Amino acid sequence: MKHAAALKTSQDRLNALVEIGILLSAERDREVLISHILMSGKRLSNCDAATLYLMTERKTLRFAVRSRDDALPDEELPLHDPVTGAPNENYVSTYVALNKVAVNIQDVYSETRFDLSGTRRFDATTGYHTVSMATIPMLRRNGDVVGVLQFMNAKDAETGAAIPFTTGVVDLLNAMASQAAISFDVNELLDEQVALLDAIVRIIALAIDARSPCTGGHCRRTPELSVMLAEAASAQTEGPLASFCFNTADEWREFRTGAWLHDCGKIAVSDHIIDKSTKLEMIYNRIHEVRTRFEVLWRDAEIRRLEALLAGADPLAAERAAEEEKRVLTEEFAFVAECNIGCDFMGAEKALRLREIGTRTWLRHFDERIGISEDERMRLAGTPVQALPAAEHLLADHPHMVFPRDQAHMPDPKYGFKMSVPEDIANGGELYNLCVMRGTLTEEERFRINEHMIHTVITLESLPFPKNMRRVPEFASTHHETLTGTGYPRRLTAEQLSIPARIVAIADIFEALTAADRPYKKPKSLSESIRILAEMRDRRDIDADLFDLFLTSGVYLKYAKTFLNPEQIDAVDISLYLQHSRGEE
C-alpha cells in the first residue's frame, strides 16, 4: 500500500510538471508568468510558502513575488561586495545565483553555512516557523541566471507537518525552474522583438516625415488621432458601433502599426512632388528661369532705345517706346508669377493669356547641349539642333521636358490596383504646368502622389507579418478609399472597408486639413475642417457614424488642443453636422 501511494504521488507530480510546462509555455504576460512560476513550484513541492527573486541589471537579486500576503522587502541582495568585488555567498539566495546550483536546507535553525538571520527575524516578527528551505536557480539556455526560487516548509501529505524537502522533490523543482527560465527567456525575447519591430515602424514613419520639413509631423500625428478615435469607438456599448472593439493588446498593436505605416509608400515619392508649392517647381522653382528671360527682353528694349538714339530717332519717342515695352513686360511677368501660385481654380481665360505671353521670343546665344547629364543628352537627341543665336519662346513645352512611361513603371496587376495611369511619368512643360487649373500638381504628379499607396501595398504585402499582425497592410493602405468605390488604389466598396480602415481615413484627412506645416496651403481652422469633413461625409467619402462619434466624443477638440495652433481653434457647433440633426438615420 505504501509503495502504491508513493508511486501515485510520483505520478501525480510528474503529471503536474507536464501541466506546469504547458501552462508556462502558453503565458505571455510577464507578471502573470512570474506568479504562475511561483505558485506552480509551491504546488509541485507541496510546501507552505515560496518566494521568487529576479536578477536585476545591477547584478542584484530583487524580491519579485511571494506566495503569502506579507509585504515584499524593498532591499536588494548584491551578488558581489560593492567595495571589494568579492562574491557575496553569505546568503543562500546569492550563493545559488553565483554557483548556479540548488541548495536544500533541512533545518533552518541548525544551518551554519549561510546567514539566515533575515528568515529568523521574519519568524520572530510574524510568529511563523521556518523549518526547511529549498533554493533553486532559474537558468537561461545560455546559463545566465534569470532569478532564484525559494520554497519553505515542505508538508507531510498526511499530517501537514513541516518536513525537509526530499531529493526527488528538489530534482522536480530544478526541472520546473528550467522550464520556467526558458519560458521567461522566450517571453523576454518575444518582448524584445516586439519592441524592436515597433521601434523600426516608428523610425520608418519618422524618417518619412524627416525627409521634408513641410510635412514633418503627419506620420506621427495621424496614428495619434487614429488611436483617439478607435478608443472612442471601442467604448461604444450601443448604436451602430457597439459591435466594434479591439479585445486584445495584439489587436491594438496591429492597428497602431497600420496607422504608423499608412504613408510608408511615400519613401518612393520625390520630395519635390510631395512639397510642390508652385506650379513650375521641379527640384527648384523654375520661375527664376522665366524671370531671367523677361530680364533679357527688358535689356533688349533698352538696347533698342539706345540703338534708336544712335540712329537719330526722336529721344522722347524712343523713351516712350522703351517704357511701354518695359511696362508690358512688368505686367506680363507679374501675371505669370501669379499663375505660378496654386489656387482653388484658374479660369480658361488665364490659360489662354499665358499661351499668348508664351509666344513672345527671346534670343539664346549659348549651346544648350553642353554641361548636361547623359540623361538630358539622350532626351535632347530627338530635338533638332538650332543655329545660334536661336529664337525661343518665352514659355515653352519642349519634347525633352516629357518623361514617357515604360512598362517597368506600370503598376503590377497582381495587386488589383484600379487607378488611371497617365501616359507619361512626368511632364515639365512650362505652359503645361502653369496652366494647371487647381492647385500646383499636374496629372502626372498627382498620380505620383497617389502612387504612394501602390508602394505602401506592395511594400507591406511583401513583408512576412506574423499572424497577429496580418491586417497591418489593410489598415495602412485603405485610407484613400471611399464608401462609394471611387477611391484608390483599389476602388474598394463600403463592404470591403473595415471600421479600423475607416478610422484611419478620417484621421488622415483631418490631420491634412489642419496641418500648419504644408508649404502649398494655409492650415484650415477647426470649424472649416469640420465643415469639409461633413461635406465628405455627405459624398460618402468617409463613414457617417464615425464622423458623428468624432464630434460627439470630443475627439476633434482633444486633438485640436494637442496639435493645432491656438489661432486655428475656433468655435464649432457640432449639432449642425450630426446625422440626427439633418434628419438622417
Protein backbone atom coordinates (compact mmCIF):
# COMPACT_ATOMS: atom_id res chain seq x y z
CA MET A 1 0.00 0.00 0.00
CA LYS A 2 2.75 2.39 1.00
CA HIS A 3 4.61 1.62 -2.24
CA ALA A 4 1.44 2.21 -4.28
CA ALA A 5 0.83 5.54 -2.54
CA ALA A 6 4.40 6.65 -3.23
CA LEU A 7 4.06 5.63 -6.85
CA LYS A 8 0.83 7.58 -7.18
CA THR A 9 2.45 10.64 -5.58
CA SER A 10 5.35 10.42 -8.04
CA GLN A 11 2.94 10.03 -10.97
CA ASP A 12 0.87 12.97 -9.79
CA ARG A 13 3.97 15.14 -9.51
CA LEU A 14 5.15 14.11 -12.98
CA ASN A 15 1.73 14.95 -14.41
CA ALA A 16 1.80 18.24 -12.54
CA LEU A 17 5.24 19.01 -14.00
CA VAL A 18 3.90 18.40 -17.53
CA GLU A 19 0.86 20.61 -16.86
CA ILE A 20 3.10 23.32 -15.44
CA GLY A 21 5.30 23.19 -18.55
CA ILE A 22 2.28 23.64 -20.80
CA LEU A 23 0.95 26.48 -18.66
CA LEU A 24 4.27 28.33 -18.56
CA SER A 25 4.88 27.97 -22.30
CA ALA A 26 1.47 29.49 -23.10
CA GLU A 27 1.62 32.54 -20.81
CA ARG A 28 2.73 35.85 -22.36
CA ASP A 29 2.01 38.32 -19.56
CA ARG A 30 5.19 38.83 -17.54
CA GLU A 31 3.55 39.45 -14.17
CA VAL A 32 1.15 36.54 -14.60
CA LEU A 33 4.06 34.32 -15.67
CA ILE A 34 6.02 35.20 -12.53
CA SER A 35 3.01 34.33 -10.39
CA HIS A 36 2.50 31.07 -12.29
CA ILE A 37 6.13 30.07 -11.75
CA LEU A 38 5.96 30.63 -8.02
CA MET A 39 2.59 29.01 -7.40
CA SER A 40 3.38 26.09 -9.70
CA GLY A 41 6.55 25.35 -7.74
CA LYS A 42 4.66 25.62 -4.48
CA ARG A 43 2.03 23.16 -5.72
CA LEU A 44 4.61 20.78 -7.16
CA SER A 45 6.60 20.60 -3.93
CA ASN A 46 3.57 20.67 -1.64
CA CYS A 47 5.18 23.35 0.51
CA ASP A 48 3.78 26.09 2.70
CA ALA A 49 5.38 29.23 1.26
CA ALA A 50 7.53 30.43 -1.62
CA THR A 51 9.47 33.48 -2.78
CA LEU A 52 10.81 34.43 -6.20
CA TYR A 53 13.83 36.71 -6.67
CA LEU A 54 14.64 38.22 -10.06
CA MET A 55 18.09 39.21 -11.26
CA THR A 56 18.44 42.95 -11.96
CA GLU A 57 20.74 44.70 -14.43
CA ARG A 58 22.74 45.80 -11.38
CA LYS A 59 23.57 42.15 -10.60
CA THR A 60 21.40 42.08 -7.52
CA LEU A 61 18.51 39.85 -6.51
CA ARG A 62 15.22 41.69 -6.13
CA PHE A 63 12.21 40.30 -4.27
CA ALA A 64 9.64 39.90 -7.06
CA VAL A 65 6.73 37.99 -5.53
CA ARG A 66 5.76 35.88 -2.52
CA SER A 67 3.06 33.28 -2.12
CA ARG A 68 1.93 34.78 1.19
CA ASP A 69 0.33 38.20 1.57
CA ASP A 70 3.12 39.81 3.60
CA ALA A 71 4.83 42.86 2.09
CA LEU A 72 7.88 42.38 -0.10
CA PRO A 73 11.14 43.85 1.25
CA ASP A 74 12.47 46.83 -0.71
CA GLU A 75 16.10 45.79 -0.29
CA GLU A 76 18.12 44.08 -3.00
CA LEU A 77 20.77 41.46 -2.38
CA PRO A 78 24.03 42.20 -4.27
CA LEU A 79 25.88 39.24 -5.76
CA HIS A 80 29.22 40.94 -5.14
CA ASP A 81 30.59 43.22 -2.47
CA PRO A 82 30.25 46.77 -3.84
CA VAL A 83 33.66 47.75 -2.46
CA THR A 84 35.88 44.70 -2.93
CA GLY A 85 34.01 42.94 -5.71
CA ALA A 86 34.20 39.67 -3.81
CA PRO A 87 31.33 37.22 -4.37
CA ASN A 88 28.60 37.51 -1.75
CA GLU A 89 27.98 33.90 -0.70
CA ASN A 90 26.68 34.76 2.78
CA TYR A 91 23.04 34.38 1.76
CA VAL A 92 21.65 31.17 0.36
CA SER A 93 19.87 33.00 -2.48
CA THR A 94 23.03 34.80 -3.65
CA TYR A 95 25.07 31.62 -3.25
CA VAL A 96 22.64 29.76 -5.51
CA ALA A 97 22.72 32.56 -8.09
CA LEU A 98 26.50 32.73 -8.09
CA ASN A 99 27.11 28.99 -8.23
CA LYS A 100 24.03 28.04 -10.27
CA VAL A 101 23.27 25.07 -8.03
CA ALA A 102 20.28 24.19 -5.86
CA VAL A 103 20.64 24.21 -2.06
CA ASN A 104 18.38 22.06 0.13
CA ILE A 105 18.37 23.09 3.82
CA GLN A 106 16.62 20.55 6.04
CA ASP A 107 16.68 22.63 9.26
CA VAL A 108 16.94 26.41 9.04
CA TYR A 109 17.77 26.81 12.73
CA SER A 110 20.72 24.43 12.64
CA GLU A 111 22.11 25.73 9.34
CA THR A 112 25.59 27.28 9.68
CA ARG A 113 26.74 27.75 6.06
CA PHE A 114 24.58 30.78 5.32
CA ASP A 115 23.31 33.88 7.06
CA LEU A 116 19.63 33.10 7.68
CA SER A 117 19.12 35.83 10.25
CA GLY A 118 16.58 37.54 8.00
CA THR A 119 14.42 34.40 7.92
CA ARG A 120 14.68 34.05 11.68
CA ARG A 121 13.75 37.71 12.21
CA PHE A 122 10.76 37.22 9.95
CA ASP A 123 9.70 34.22 12.04
CA ALA A 124 10.08 36.19 15.25
CA THR A 125 8.07 39.10 13.89
CA THR A 126 5.23 37.13 12.33
CA GLY A 127 5.07 34.02 14.51
CA TYR A 128 5.78 31.83 11.50
CA HIS A 129 8.27 28.97 11.97
CA THR A 130 10.51 28.07 9.06
CA VAL A 131 11.84 24.52 9.15
CA SER A 132 13.06 23.51 5.70
CA MET A 133 14.12 25.52 2.65
CA ALA A 134 14.87 24.59 -0.95
CA THR A 135 16.52 27.29 -3.08
CA ILE A 136 16.60 26.70 -6.85
CA PRO A 137 18.33 28.72 -9.62
CA MET A 138 16.41 29.68 -12.76
CA LEU A 139 18.90 29.41 -15.63
CA ARG A 140 18.53 30.66 -19.18
CA ARG A 141 19.56 28.49 -22.09
CA ASN A 142 22.93 30.26 -22.16
CA GLY A 143 23.47 29.61 -18.46
CA ASP A 144 22.71 33.14 -17.23
CA VAL A 145 20.61 33.42 -14.10
CA VAL A 146 17.08 34.76 -14.51
CA GLY A 147 16.28 34.54 -10.83
CA VAL A 148 16.08 32.33 -7.79
CA LEU A 149 13.14 30.34 -6.42
CA GLN A 150 12.93 29.70 -2.69
CA PHE A 151 10.47 27.24 -1.13
CA MET A 152 9.82 26.93 2.61
CA ASN A 153 8.43 24.09 4.71
CA ALA A 154 7.62 21.05 2.66
CA LYS A 155 4.44 19.48 4.11
CA ASP A 156 3.74 15.91 5.03
CA ALA A 157 0.99 14.66 2.74
CA GLU A 158 -0.94 13.08 5.60
CA THR A 159 -0.33 15.29 8.65
CA GLY A 160 0.53 18.63 7.05
CA ALA A 161 3.55 19.00 9.34
CA ALA A 162 6.65 20.80 8.09
CA ILE A 163 9.28 18.35 6.85
CA PRO A 164 12.52 18.54 4.82
CA PHE A 165 12.37 18.61 1.01
CA THR A 166 13.31 15.26 -0.47
CA THR A 167 15.96 14.90 -3.14
CA GLY A 168 13.28 13.82 -5.60
CA VAL A 169 11.24 16.96 -4.97
CA VAL A 170 14.32 19.15 -5.37
CA ASP A 171 15.03 17.44 -8.71
CA LEU A 172 11.44 18.17 -9.84
CA LEU A 173 11.81 21.79 -8.74
CA ASN A 174 15.05 22.03 -10.74
CA ALA A 175 13.24 20.69 -13.80
CA MET A 176 10.37 23.12 -13.30
CA ALA A 177 12.78 26.03 -12.77
CA SER A 178 14.46 25.17 -16.08
CA GLN A 179 11.11 25.19 -17.86
CA ALA A 180 10.21 28.46 -16.15
CA ALA A 181 13.52 30.06 -17.12
CA ILE A 182 13.07 29.01 -20.74
CA SER A 183 9.51 30.44 -20.73
CA PHE A 184 10.85 33.62 -19.18
CA ASP A 185 13.67 33.72 -21.73
CA VAL A 186 11.32 33.15 -24.67
CA ASN A 187 8.91 35.81 -23.41
CA GLU A 188 11.71 38.32 -22.97
CA LEU A 189 12.96 37.51 -26.46
CA LEU A 190 9.47 37.96 -27.90
CA ASP A 191 9.04 41.22 -25.99
CA GLU A 192 12.38 42.44 -27.32
CA GLN A 193 11.39 41.52 -30.87
CA VAL A 194 8.05 43.29 -30.46
CA ALA A 195 9.82 46.36 -29.08
CA LEU A 196 12.33 46.24 -31.94
CA LEU A 197 9.61 45.94 -34.60
CA ASP A 198 7.62 48.78 -33.02
CA ALA A 199 10.73 50.94 -32.93
CA ILE A 200 11.54 50.16 -36.57
CA VAL A 201 7.97 51.03 -37.57
CA ARG A 202 8.19 54.38 -35.81
CA ILE A 203 11.64 55.11 -37.19
CA ILE A 204 10.39 54.43 -40.73
CA ALA A 205 7.43 56.75 -40.21
CA LEU A 206 9.54 59.48 -38.63
CA ALA A 207 12.18 59.10 -41.35
CA ILE A 208 9.48 59.73 -43.98
CA ASP A 209 8.41 62.83 -42.09
CA ALA A 210 12.03 63.92 -41.67
CA ARG A 211 12.56 63.89 -45.43
CA SER A 212 10.56 67.07 -45.56
CA PRO A 213 10.34 69.90 -43.04
CA CYS A 214 7.00 70.72 -44.66
CA THR A 215 5.17 67.55 -43.66
CA GLY A 216 7.27 66.77 -40.63
CA GLY A 217 4.55 65.61 -38.28
CA HIS A 218 1.99 63.84 -40.46
CA CYS A 219 3.15 60.26 -39.89
CA ARG A 220 3.25 60.91 -36.14
CA ARG A 221 0.01 62.86 -35.74
CA THR A 222 -2.21 60.59 -37.87
CA PRO A 223 -1.72 57.48 -35.69
CA GLU A 224 -2.26 59.59 -32.57
CA LEU A 225 -5.64 60.73 -33.88
CA SER A 226 -6.44 57.24 -35.19
CA VAL A 227 -5.96 55.75 -31.73
CA MET A 228 -8.06 58.50 -30.12
CA LEU A 229 -10.97 57.74 -32.43
CA ALA A 230 -10.51 53.96 -32.14
CA GLU A 231 -10.62 54.22 -28.35
CA ALA A 232 -13.85 56.19 -28.56
CA ALA A 233 -15.33 53.61 -30.96
CA SER A 234 -14.26 50.70 -28.76
CA ALA A 235 -16.01 52.30 -25.80
CA GLN A 236 -19.42 52.31 -27.54
CA THR A 237 -21.94 49.94 -25.97
CA GLU A 238 -24.93 50.85 -28.12
CA GLY A 239 -25.64 52.20 -31.57
CA PRO A 240 -24.08 51.26 -34.92
CA LEU A 241 -20.54 50.97 -33.49
CA ALA A 242 -21.45 48.86 -30.44
CA SER A 243 -20.12 45.64 -32.00
CA PHE A 244 -16.68 47.14 -32.74
CA CYS A 245 -13.92 46.60 -30.23
CA PHE A 246 -10.25 45.73 -30.07
CA ASN A 247 -10.23 42.96 -27.47
CA THR A 248 -6.54 42.24 -27.06
CA ALA A 249 -3.25 44.08 -26.82
CA ASP A 250 -2.20 42.39 -30.09
CA GLU A 251 -5.24 43.84 -31.89
CA TRP A 252 -4.40 47.33 -30.65
CA ARG A 253 -0.79 46.91 -31.66
CA GLU A 254 -1.79 45.68 -35.12
CA PHE A 255 -4.00 48.75 -35.58
CA ARG A 256 -1.38 51.21 -34.29
CA THR A 257 1.24 49.68 -36.56
CA GLY A 258 -1.04 50.05 -39.58
CA ALA A 259 -1.70 53.68 -38.68
CA TRP A 260 2.01 54.40 -38.24
CA LEU A 261 2.79 52.85 -41.64
CA HIS A 262 -0.14 54.39 -43.51
CA ASP A 263 2.17 56.58 -45.59
CA CYS A 264 5.25 54.35 -45.76
CA GLY A 265 4.95 54.31 -49.56
CA LYS A 266 5.93 58.00 -49.65
CA ILE A 267 9.51 56.83 -49.27
CA ALA A 268 9.33 56.20 -53.05
CA VAL A 269 7.85 59.63 -53.93
CA SER A 270 10.21 62.51 -54.70
CA ASP A 271 10.30 65.27 -52.12
CA HIS A 272 9.84 67.99 -54.71
CA ILE A 273 6.48 66.46 -55.68
CA ILE A 274 5.24 65.94 -52.13
CA ASP A 275 6.21 69.51 -51.21
CA LYS A 276 5.50 71.16 -54.56
CA SER A 277 4.40 74.65 -53.57
CA THR A 278 4.39 76.34 -57.02
CA LYS A 279 3.49 75.07 -60.47
CA LEU A 280 6.94 75.46 -62.02
CA GLU A 281 8.71 73.73 -59.15
CA MET A 282 10.85 70.74 -60.16
CA ILE A 283 13.61 70.35 -57.57
CA TYR A 284 13.71 74.16 -57.60
CA ASN A 285 11.24 76.88 -58.62
CA ARG A 286 11.74 77.47 -62.35
CA ILE A 287 10.03 80.86 -62.17
CA HIS A 288 13.57 82.21 -61.80
CA GLU A 289 14.46 80.95 -65.29
CA VAL A 290 11.34 82.59 -66.68
CA ARG A 291 12.15 85.81 -64.84
CA THR A 292 15.65 85.80 -66.39
CA ARG A 293 14.08 85.64 -69.86
CA PHE A 294 11.96 88.66 -69.01
CA GLU A 295 15.15 90.37 -67.86
CA VAL A 296 16.67 89.61 -71.26
CA LEU A 297 13.64 91.16 -73.02
CA TRP A 298 13.89 94.17 -70.72
CA ARG A 299 17.51 94.69 -71.75
CA ASP A 300 16.54 94.17 -75.41
CA ALA A 301 14.04 97.02 -75.04
CA GLU A 302 16.76 99.21 -73.53
CA ILE A 303 19.17 98.26 -76.31
CA ARG A 304 16.59 99.15 -78.96
CA ARG A 305 16.12 102.55 -77.31
CA LEU A 306 19.85 103.22 -77.40
CA GLU A 307 20.14 101.99 -80.98
CA ALA A 308 17.25 104.27 -81.97
CA LEU A 309 19.03 107.23 -80.40
CA LEU A 310 22.24 106.37 -82.29
CA ALA A 311 20.24 106.19 -85.50
CA GLY A 312 18.94 109.72 -84.89
CA ALA A 313 15.40 108.89 -83.72
CA ASP A 314 13.39 111.29 -81.59
CA PRO A 315 14.67 110.76 -77.99
CA LEU A 316 11.25 111.29 -76.45
CA ALA A 317 9.60 108.79 -78.79
CA ALA A 318 12.35 106.24 -78.23
CA GLU A 319 12.00 106.66 -74.46
CA ARG A 320 8.21 106.25 -74.63
CA ALA A 321 8.51 103.12 -76.74
CA ALA A 322 11.02 101.54 -74.35
CA GLU A 323 8.99 102.43 -71.27
CA GLU A 324 5.86 100.95 -72.83
CA GLU A 325 7.71 97.70 -73.58
CA LYS A 326 9.00 97.58 -70.02
CA ARG A 327 5.53 98.28 -68.60
CA VAL A 328 4.06 95.39 -70.60
CA LEU A 329 6.89 93.08 -69.56
CA THR A 330 6.41 94.01 -65.90
CA GLU A 331 2.68 93.39 -66.10
CA GLU A 332 3.09 90.12 -68.00
CA PHE A 333 5.70 88.72 -65.63
CA ALA A 334 3.52 89.64 -62.65
CA PHE A 335 0.68 87.70 -64.31
CA VAL A 336 2.92 84.66 -64.97
CA ALA A 337 4.21 84.79 -61.40
CA GLU A 338 0.65 84.95 -60.08
CA CYS A 339 -0.34 81.92 -62.18
CA ASN A 340 2.65 80.05 -60.76
CA ILE A 341 0.97 80.11 -57.36
CA GLY A 342 -1.59 77.35 -56.97
CA CYS A 343 -5.22 78.25 -56.41
CA ASP A 344 -8.56 76.50 -55.99
CA PHE A 345 -9.48 77.23 -59.61
CA MET A 346 -7.84 79.06 -62.52
CA GLY A 347 -10.15 80.04 -65.36
CA ALA A 348 -9.60 79.12 -69.00
CA GLU A 349 -9.08 82.78 -69.91
CA LYS A 350 -5.91 82.86 -67.82
CA ALA A 351 -4.57 79.79 -69.56
CA LEU A 352 -5.27 81.47 -72.92
CA ARG A 353 -3.39 84.60 -71.87
CA LEU A 354 -0.44 82.52 -70.66
CA ARG A 355 -0.20 80.95 -74.10
CA GLU A 356 -0.30 84.39 -75.73
CA ILE A 357 2.50 85.64 -73.48
CA GLY A 358 4.43 82.45 -74.19
CA THR A 359 4.55 83.25 -77.92
CA ARG A 360 7.00 86.08 -77.25
CA THR A 361 10.51 85.13 -78.33
CA TRP A 362 13.97 85.82 -76.98
CA LEU A 363 17.41 85.03 -78.39
CA ARG A 364 19.58 82.26 -76.95
CA HIS A 365 23.27 82.67 -77.78
CA PHE A 366 24.73 79.68 -75.89
CA ASP A 367 24.75 75.97 -76.64
CA GLU A 368 22.09 74.20 -74.57
CA ARG A 369 23.75 70.81 -75.01
CA ILE A 370 26.93 71.33 -73.01
CA GLY A 371 27.37 70.85 -69.28
CA ILE A 372 24.38 68.50 -69.08
CA SER A 373 23.89 64.93 -67.86
CA GLU A 374 23.80 61.89 -70.12
CA ASP A 375 20.10 61.54 -69.35
CA GLU A 376 19.42 65.08 -70.59
CA ARG A 377 21.57 64.47 -73.64
CA MET A 378 19.51 61.40 -74.55
CA ARG A 379 16.24 63.28 -74.13
CA LEU A 380 17.53 66.09 -76.39
CA ALA A 381 18.68 63.61 -79.04
CA GLY A 382 15.39 63.81 -80.92
CA THR A 383 15.33 67.64 -80.94
CA PRO A 384 16.89 69.37 -83.99
CA VAL A 385 19.99 71.46 -83.25
CA GLN A 386 19.30 75.16 -83.81
CA ALA A 387 21.84 77.55 -85.23
CA LEU A 388 22.89 80.24 -82.78
CA PRO A 389 21.58 82.70 -81.92
CA ALA A 390 18.32 80.75 -81.68
CA ALA A 391 14.91 82.31 -81.14
CA GLU A 392 12.99 80.61 -78.35
CA HIS A 393 9.53 81.12 -76.94
CA LEU A 394 9.26 82.89 -73.61
CA LEU A 395 7.22 79.96 -72.22
CA ALA A 396 7.61 76.58 -73.86
CA ASP A 397 6.61 72.92 -73.73
CA HIS A 398 9.60 71.13 -75.26
CA PRO A 399 9.55 67.38 -76.07
CA HIS A 400 12.61 66.80 -73.90
CA MET A 401 10.63 68.01 -70.90
CA VAL A 402 8.38 64.93 -71.12
CA PHE A 403 9.35 61.62 -69.48
CA PRO A 404 7.39 58.79 -71.16
CA ARG A 405 6.19 55.86 -69.04
CA ASP A 406 7.57 52.45 -69.90
CA GLN A 407 6.31 49.02 -68.81
CA ALA A 408 8.67 48.97 -65.84
CA HIS A 409 6.76 51.91 -64.37
CA MET A 410 3.31 50.36 -64.73
CA PRO A 411 1.60 49.08 -61.53
CA ASP A 412 1.78 45.31 -61.10
CA PRO A 413 -1.72 43.97 -61.93
CA LYS A 414 -1.43 41.11 -59.41
CA TYR A 415 -2.19 43.57 -56.58
CA GLY A 416 -5.57 44.53 -58.03
CA PHE A 417 -4.90 48.25 -58.45
CA LYS A 418 -7.63 50.17 -60.23
CA MET A 419 -6.07 53.56 -60.89
CA SER A 420 -5.96 55.56 -64.11
CA VAL A 421 -2.31 55.68 -65.10
CA PRO A 422 -1.05 58.76 -67.04
CA GLU A 423 0.78 58.14 -70.29
CA ASP A 424 3.89 59.89 -69.00
CA ILE A 425 5.82 59.67 -65.76
CA ALA A 426 6.37 63.43 -65.69
CA ASN A 427 5.81 66.46 -67.87
CA GLY A 428 7.93 69.50 -67.11
CA GLY A 429 6.47 71.70 -69.82
CA GLU A 430 6.29 75.29 -68.61
CA LEU A 431 2.92 76.15 -70.10
CA TYR A 432 1.64 72.68 -69.23
CA ASN A 433 2.45 73.28 -65.57
CA LEU A 434 1.41 76.94 -65.41
CA CYS A 435 -2.00 76.03 -66.87
CA VAL A 436 -2.81 73.57 -64.07
CA MET A 437 -6.34 74.59 -63.13
CA ARG A 438 -6.38 73.52 -59.45
CA GLY A 439 -3.50 73.51 -57.01
CA THR A 440 0.06 73.05 -58.21
CA LEU A 441 0.19 69.43 -59.34
CA THR A 442 -0.01 68.14 -62.89
CA GLU A 443 -1.93 64.96 -63.69
CA GLU A 444 1.35 63.04 -63.68
CA GLU A 445 2.44 64.50 -60.34
CA ARG A 446 -0.92 63.85 -58.73
CA PHE A 447 -0.62 60.24 -59.81
CA ARG A 448 2.88 60.12 -58.32
CA ILE A 449 1.44 61.39 -55.03
CA ASN A 450 -1.39 58.85 -55.16
CA GLU A 451 1.11 56.20 -56.19
CA HIS A 452 2.43 56.19 -52.64
CA MET A 453 -0.49 53.90 -51.84
CA ILE A 454 0.69 51.48 -54.52
CA HIS A 455 4.12 51.43 -52.90
CA THR A 456 2.51 51.03 -49.47
CA VAL A 457 0.54 47.99 -50.62
CA ILE A 458 3.48 46.37 -52.40
CA THR A 459 5.87 47.02 -49.52
CA LEU A 460 3.62 45.84 -46.71
CA GLU A 461 2.11 42.86 -48.53
CA SER A 462 5.64 41.67 -49.27
CA LEU A 463 6.53 41.54 -45.57
CA PRO A 464 6.06 38.27 -43.63
CA PHE A 465 3.93 39.71 -40.83
CA PRO A 466 3.13 37.25 -38.03
CA LYS A 467 -0.47 36.05 -37.74
CA ASN A 468 -1.38 38.64 -35.12
CA MET A 469 -0.22 41.42 -37.46
CA ARG A 470 -1.66 40.20 -40.77
CA ARG A 471 -4.10 43.14 -41.09
CA VAL A 472 -1.40 45.82 -40.96
CA PRO A 473 -1.34 46.17 -44.79
CA GLU A 474 -5.15 46.57 -44.81
CA PHE A 475 -5.17 49.25 -42.11
CA ALA A 476 -2.25 51.10 -43.72
CA SER A 477 -3.35 51.07 -47.36
CA THR A 478 -7.07 51.89 -47.42
CA HIS A 479 -7.30 55.44 -46.08
CA HIS A 480 -7.77 56.88 -49.58
CA GLU A 481 -10.62 54.53 -50.45
CA THR A 482 -14.24 55.75 -50.25
CA LEU A 483 -17.56 54.15 -49.39
CA THR A 484 -18.70 54.67 -52.98
CA GLY A 485 -15.90 52.65 -54.60
CA THR A 486 -14.30 55.71 -56.19
CA GLY A 487 -11.15 55.85 -54.07
CA TYR A 488 -7.69 54.50 -54.72
CA PRO A 489 -5.63 52.41 -55.18
CA ARG A 490 -8.14 49.53 -55.47
CA ARG A 491 -11.56 51.27 -55.59
CA LEU A 492 -12.81 49.19 -52.69
CA THR A 493 -16.50 49.25 -51.81
CA ALA A 494 -18.07 50.01 -48.43
CA GLU A 495 -18.41 46.29 -47.72
CA GLN A 496 -14.65 45.90 -48.16
CA LEU A 497 -13.71 48.69 -45.76
CA SER A 498 -13.43 47.73 -42.09
CA ILE A 499 -14.10 50.07 -39.18
CA PRO A 500 -10.34 50.43 -38.41
CA ALA A 501 -9.66 51.32 -42.05
CA ARG A 502 -12.41 53.95 -41.96
CA ILE A 503 -10.97 55.37 -38.74
CA VAL A 504 -7.54 55.91 -40.29
CA ALA A 505 -9.18 57.61 -43.28
CA ILE A 506 -10.84 60.25 -41.08
CA ALA A 507 -7.64 60.77 -39.08
CA ASP A 508 -5.55 61.19 -42.22
CA ILE A 509 -7.91 63.75 -43.76
CA PHE A 510 -8.40 65.78 -40.59
CA GLU A 511 -4.66 65.92 -39.94
CA ALA A 512 -4.02 67.09 -43.50
CA LEU A 513 -6.71 69.78 -43.29
CA THR A 514 -5.40 71.23 -40.03
CA ALA A 515 -1.64 70.75 -40.55
CA ALA A 516 0.26 74.01 -40.25
CA ASP A 517 3.46 72.78 -41.92
CA ARG A 518 2.37 72.45 -45.56
CA PRO A 519 4.07 74.89 -47.99
CA TYR A 520 1.28 74.76 -50.56
CA LYS A 521 -1.63 75.77 -48.32
CA LYS A 522 -2.58 77.58 -45.15
CA PRO A 523 -3.83 75.47 -42.25
CA LYS A 524 -7.59 75.44 -42.00
CA SER A 525 -9.44 76.40 -38.86
CA LEU A 526 -11.17 73.81 -36.73
CA SER A 527 -14.65 74.85 -37.88
CA GLU A 528 -13.68 74.91 -41.56
CA SER A 529 -12.09 71.46 -41.27
CA ILE A 530 -15.23 70.04 -39.63
CA ARG A 531 -17.36 71.58 -42.39
CA ILE A 532 -15.19 69.98 -45.08
CA LEU A 533 -15.36 66.61 -43.35
CA ALA A 534 -19.14 66.96 -43.21
CA GLU A 535 -19.23 67.56 -46.95
CA MET A 536 -17.08 64.46 -47.46
CA ARG A 537 -19.49 62.54 -45.24
CA ASP A 538 -22.36 63.69 -47.45
CA ARG A 539 -20.49 62.39 -50.51
CA ARG A 540 -19.83 59.14 -48.63
CA ASP A 541 -16.10 59.67 -48.83
CA ILE A 542 -15.92 58.93 -45.07
CA ASP A 543 -18.02 56.94 -42.61
CA ALA A 544 -21.03 58.87 -41.22
CA ASP A 545 -21.25 57.00 -37.90
CA LEU A 546 -17.56 57.50 -37.18
CA PHE A 547 -17.82 61.17 -38.12
CA ASP A 548 -20.68 61.56 -35.62
CA LEU A 549 -18.57 59.88 -32.97
CA PHE A 550 -15.59 62.06 -33.90
CA LEU A 551 -17.73 65.04 -32.93
CA THR A 552 -19.85 63.78 -30.02
CA SER A 553 -16.92 62.11 -28.23
CA GLY A 554 -14.93 65.35 -28.32
CA VAL A 555 -12.02 63.64 -30.11
CA TYR A 556 -11.84 66.51 -32.63
CA LEU A 557 -11.35 69.03 -29.83
CA LYS A 558 -8.95 66.87 -27.83
CA TYR A 559 -6.76 66.53 -30.91
CA ALA A 560 -7.04 70.23 -31.71
CA LYS A 561 -5.91 71.29 -28.23
CA THR A 562 -2.91 69.00 -28.52
CA PHE A 563 -1.71 69.65 -32.08
CA LEU A 564 -3.31 72.77 -33.59
CA ASN A 565 -2.10 76.34 -33.31
CA PRO A 566 -4.27 78.32 -30.86
CA GLU A 567 -5.48 80.66 -33.60
CA GLN A 568 -6.90 77.68 -35.53
CA ILE A 569 -9.17 76.59 -32.70
CA ASP A 570 -12.46 78.41 -33.14
CA ALA A 571 -15.99 77.59 -32.02
CA VAL A 572 -17.75 74.62 -33.63
CA ASP A 573 -21.48 73.96 -33.32
CA ILE A 574 -21.41 70.19 -33.81
CA SER A 575 -25.23 69.99 -33.82
CA LEU A 576 -25.13 71.43 -37.34
CA TYR A 577 -23.29 68.37 -38.62
CA LEU A 578 -24.72 65.38 -36.73
CA GLN A 579 -26.85 62.89 -38.66
CA HIS A 580 -29.92 63.18 -36.39
CA SER A 581 -29.79 66.98 -36.75
CA ARG A 582 -30.05 66.52 -40.50
CA GLY A 583 -32.99 64.11 -40.29
CA GLU A 584 -30.90 61.06 -41.16
CA GLU A 585 -30.89 57.60 -39.70
